């Protein structure tokens, strides 16, 4: 196998390139440039395949350079939209019109939610009394002011019917 001295080959190509520029112009320079690049790539590929004459016992060094694929070199074709006022504004209007029914639906269902408010501010403290709870004469506000803890138990009745949606699980 013949080993080429890369520096000598590149120097001779550069001389040929300069001569081509003087004799024929720029197109020959581009052609010789491409030949030089092709020779450089093929020399680098063959460099790892050639036996190492200086030290045959050492394995060849593997390159950590990524492969020359379009994906790894980030040269994939991409869609680049032209964003002008003539394209952006109609798009916003169409999206806005599409979400109007969604907003109406959310407003309707939020208005259907029923509430029952219970004010437990002045609730009396409840203490366990066997199996039941017994109210004391002291409100939870006064117990909490004394740095104590308070348990309040309030009984209430619902005055209107609350529908339960069985699609959800309710955990205590």
Protein backbone atom coordinates (compact mmCIF):
# COMPACT_ATOMS: atom_id res chain seq x y z
CA UNK A 1 0.00 0.00 0.00
CA UNK A 2 1.36 3.40 -0.95
CA UNK A 3 1.29 6.12 1.67
CA UNK A 4 0.85 9.68 0.43
CA UNK A 5 2.31 12.69 2.13
CA UNK A 6 -0.76 14.85 2.58
CA UNK A 7 1.20 18.11 2.87
CA UNK A 8 2.95 17.51 -0.47
CA UNK A 9 -0.28 16.61 -2.26
CA UNK A 10 -2.05 19.67 -0.89
CA UNK A 11 0.86 21.93 -1.85
CA UNK A 12 0.86 20.60 -5.42
CA UNK A 13 -2.92 21.14 -5.65
CA UNK A 14 -2.49 24.72 -4.42
CA UNK A 15 0.15 25.34 -7.09
CA UNK A 16 -2.16 23.93 -9.74
CA UNK A 17 -4.96 26.11 -8.41
CA UNK A 18 -2.83 29.26 -8.65
CA UNK A 19 -1.78 28.32 -12.20
CA UNK A 20 -5.42 27.72 -13.17
CA UNK A 21 -6.42 31.14 -11.85
CA UNK A 22 -3.69 32.83 -13.86
CA UNK A 23 -4.49 30.91 -17.05
CA UNK A 24 -8.27 30.30 -17.02
CA UNK A 25 -10.02 32.22 -14.27
CA UNK A 26 -12.29 31.52 -11.32
CA UNK A 27 -14.22 28.43 -12.54
CA UNK A 28 -11.03 26.32 -12.58
CA UNK A 29 -10.24 27.53 -9.06
CA UNK A 30 -13.63 26.27 -7.84
CA UNK A 31 -13.12 22.92 -9.58
CA UNK A 32 -9.65 22.50 -8.07
CA UNK A 33 -10.98 23.56 -4.66
CA UNK A 34 -13.57 20.78 -4.86
CA UNK A 35 -10.87 18.30 -5.89
CA UNK A 36 -8.76 19.41 -2.93
CA UNK A 37 -11.70 18.96 -0.54
CA UNK A 38 -12.47 15.52 -1.98
CA UNK A 39 -8.83 14.47 -1.67
CA UNK A 40 -8.74 15.73 1.93
CA UNK A 41 -11.84 13.71 2.87
CA UNK A 42 -10.60 10.54 1.18
CA UNK A 43 -7.16 10.94 2.78
CA UNK A 44 -8.73 11.30 6.25
CA UNK A 45 -10.91 8.22 5.70
CA UNK A 46 -7.94 6.16 4.52
CA UNK A 47 -5.66 7.43 7.30
CA UNK A 48 -7.29 5.12 9.86
CA UNK A 49 -7.15 2.15 7.44
CA UNK A 50 -3.41 2.48 6.74
CA UNK A 51 -0.99 0.50 8.92
CA UNK A 52 0.98 2.49 11.44
CA UNK A 53 4.64 2.12 10.41
CA UNK A 54 6.09 3.99 13.40
CA UNK A 55 4.62 1.71 16.05
CA UNK A 56 2.79 -1.36 14.75
CA UNK A 57 1.93 -2.50 18.27
CA UNK A 58 -0.28 0.50 19.12
CA UNK A 59 -3.89 0.45 17.86
CA UNK A 60 -5.03 3.27 15.56
CA UNK A 61 -6.69 6.23 17.27
CA UNK A 62 -10.44 6.38 16.70
CA UNK A 63 -11.91 9.75 15.90
CA UNK A 64 -14.66 11.10 18.17
CA UNK A 65 -15.94 13.29 15.37
CA UNK A 66 -19.64 12.63 14.59
CA UNK A 67 -20.55 11.16 11.24
CA UNK A 68 -21.17 13.56 8.40
CA UNK A 69 -24.95 13.06 8.24
CA UNK A 70 -27.48 15.83 7.70
CA UNK A 71 -29.09 15.08 11.08
CA UNK A 72 -25.89 15.15 13.12
CA UNK A 73 -24.56 18.20 11.32
CA UNK A 74 -27.90 20.02 11.72
CA UNK A 75 -28.52 20.55 8.03
CA UNK A 76 -32.08 19.19 7.89
CA UNK A 77 -34.52 21.10 5.72
CA UNK A 78 -36.94 23.17 7.80
CA UNK A 79 -40.16 25.02 7.15
CA UNK A 80 -39.73 28.71 7.85
CA UNK A 81 -43.06 30.55 7.65
CA UNK A 82 -43.15 34.14 6.50
CA UNK A 83 -44.75 36.05 9.36
CA UNK A 84 -46.34 39.24 8.12
CA UNK A 85 -49.31 41.22 9.37
CA UNK A 86 -51.35 39.78 6.51
CA UNK A 87 -50.79 36.21 7.71
CA UNK A 88 -50.60 36.65 11.49
CA UNK A 89 -53.73 38.75 12.08
CA UNK A 90 -56.15 36.45 10.22
CA UNK A 91 -54.63 33.47 12.04
CA UNK A 92 -55.26 35.12 15.42
CA UNK A 93 -58.85 35.95 14.42
CA UNK A 94 -59.55 32.39 13.26
CA UNK A 95 -58.13 30.93 16.48
CA UNK A 96 -60.12 33.45 18.53
CA UNK A 97 -63.34 32.60 16.72
CA UNK A 98 -62.65 28.88 17.18
CA UNK A 99 -62.32 29.32 20.97
CA UNK A 100 -65.51 31.39 21.42
CA UNK A 101 -67.67 28.23 21.78
CA UNK A 102 -65.18 26.85 24.31
CA UNK A 103 -65.48 30.02 26.37
CA UNK A 104 -69.28 29.98 26.17
CA UNK A 105 -69.32 26.34 27.33
CA UNK A 106 -67.02 27.07 30.27
CA UNK A 107 -69.14 30.07 31.29
CA UNK A 108 -72.35 28.03 31.11
CA UNK A 109 -71.00 25.17 33.22
CA UNK A 110 -69.43 27.49 35.80
CA UNK A 111 -72.81 29.24 36.21
CA UNK A 112 -74.45 25.84 36.85
CA UNK A 113 -72.30 25.23 39.95
CA UNK A 114 -74.35 25.47 43.16
CA UNK A 115 -72.95 26.73 46.46
CA UNK A 116 -74.08 26.47 50.05
CA UNK A 117 -72.23 28.87 52.37
CA UNK A 118 -71.97 28.05 56.08
CA UNK A 119 -70.48 30.68 58.38
CA UNK A 120 -68.73 29.00 61.29
CA UNK A 121 -67.11 32.11 62.76
CA UNK A 122 -69.15 32.01 65.98
CA UNK A 123 -69.27 28.24 66.25
CA UNK A 124 -69.24 26.74 69.73
CA UNK A 125 -66.48 24.36 70.65
CA UNK A 126 -67.49 20.71 70.49
CA UNK A 127 -65.89 18.15 72.78
CA UNK A 128 -66.22 14.39 72.54
CA UNK A 129 -68.63 12.93 75.09
CA UNK A 130 -68.46 9.17 74.72
CA UNK A 131 -69.86 8.23 71.32
CA UNK A 132 -71.20 11.72 70.59
CA UNK A 133 -70.09 15.35 70.64
CA UNK A 134 -71.23 17.92 73.16
CA UNK A 135 -71.15 21.70 72.60
CA UNK A 136 -69.56 23.90 75.27
CA UNK A 137 -70.45 27.48 76.13
CA UNK A 138 -67.24 28.85 74.63
CA UNK A 139 -66.87 29.89 70.98
CA UNK A 140 -63.92 28.72 68.90
CA UNK A 141 -62.72 32.32 68.51
CA UNK A 142 -62.14 32.64 72.26
CA UNK A 143 -60.48 29.20 72.46
CA UNK A 144 -58.10 30.05 69.60
CA UNK A 145 -57.19 33.39 71.22
CA UNK A 146 -56.00 31.41 74.27
CA UNK A 147 -53.66 29.42 71.95
CA UNK A 148 -55.78 26.31 72.17
CA UNK A 149 -57.18 24.09 69.49
CA UNK A 150 -60.84 23.99 68.67
CA UNK A 151 -63.11 21.44 67.07
CA UNK A 152 -66.39 22.75 65.73
CA UNK A 153 -69.30 20.61 64.63
CA UNK A 154 -72.21 22.18 62.75
CA UNK A 155 -75.36 20.49 61.53
CA UNK A 156 -77.00 21.93 58.44
CA UNK A 157 -79.74 21.15 55.94
CA UNK A 158 -79.55 21.77 52.22
CA UNK A 159 -82.43 23.91 50.99
CA UNK A 160 -82.05 23.03 47.32
CA UNK A 161 -81.17 19.83 45.49
CA UNK A 162 -77.51 19.31 44.59
CA UNK A 163 -76.93 16.95 41.69
CA UNK A 164 -73.91 14.69 42.06
CA UNK A 165 -71.82 13.90 39.02
CA UNK A 166 -70.85 10.24 39.39
CA UNK A 167 -68.03 10.56 36.87
CA UNK A 168 -65.71 11.76 39.61
CA UNK A 169 -64.51 9.98 42.73
CA UNK A 170 -64.82 11.94 45.93
CA UNK A 171 -62.37 11.10 48.70
CA UNK A 172 -62.60 12.46 52.25
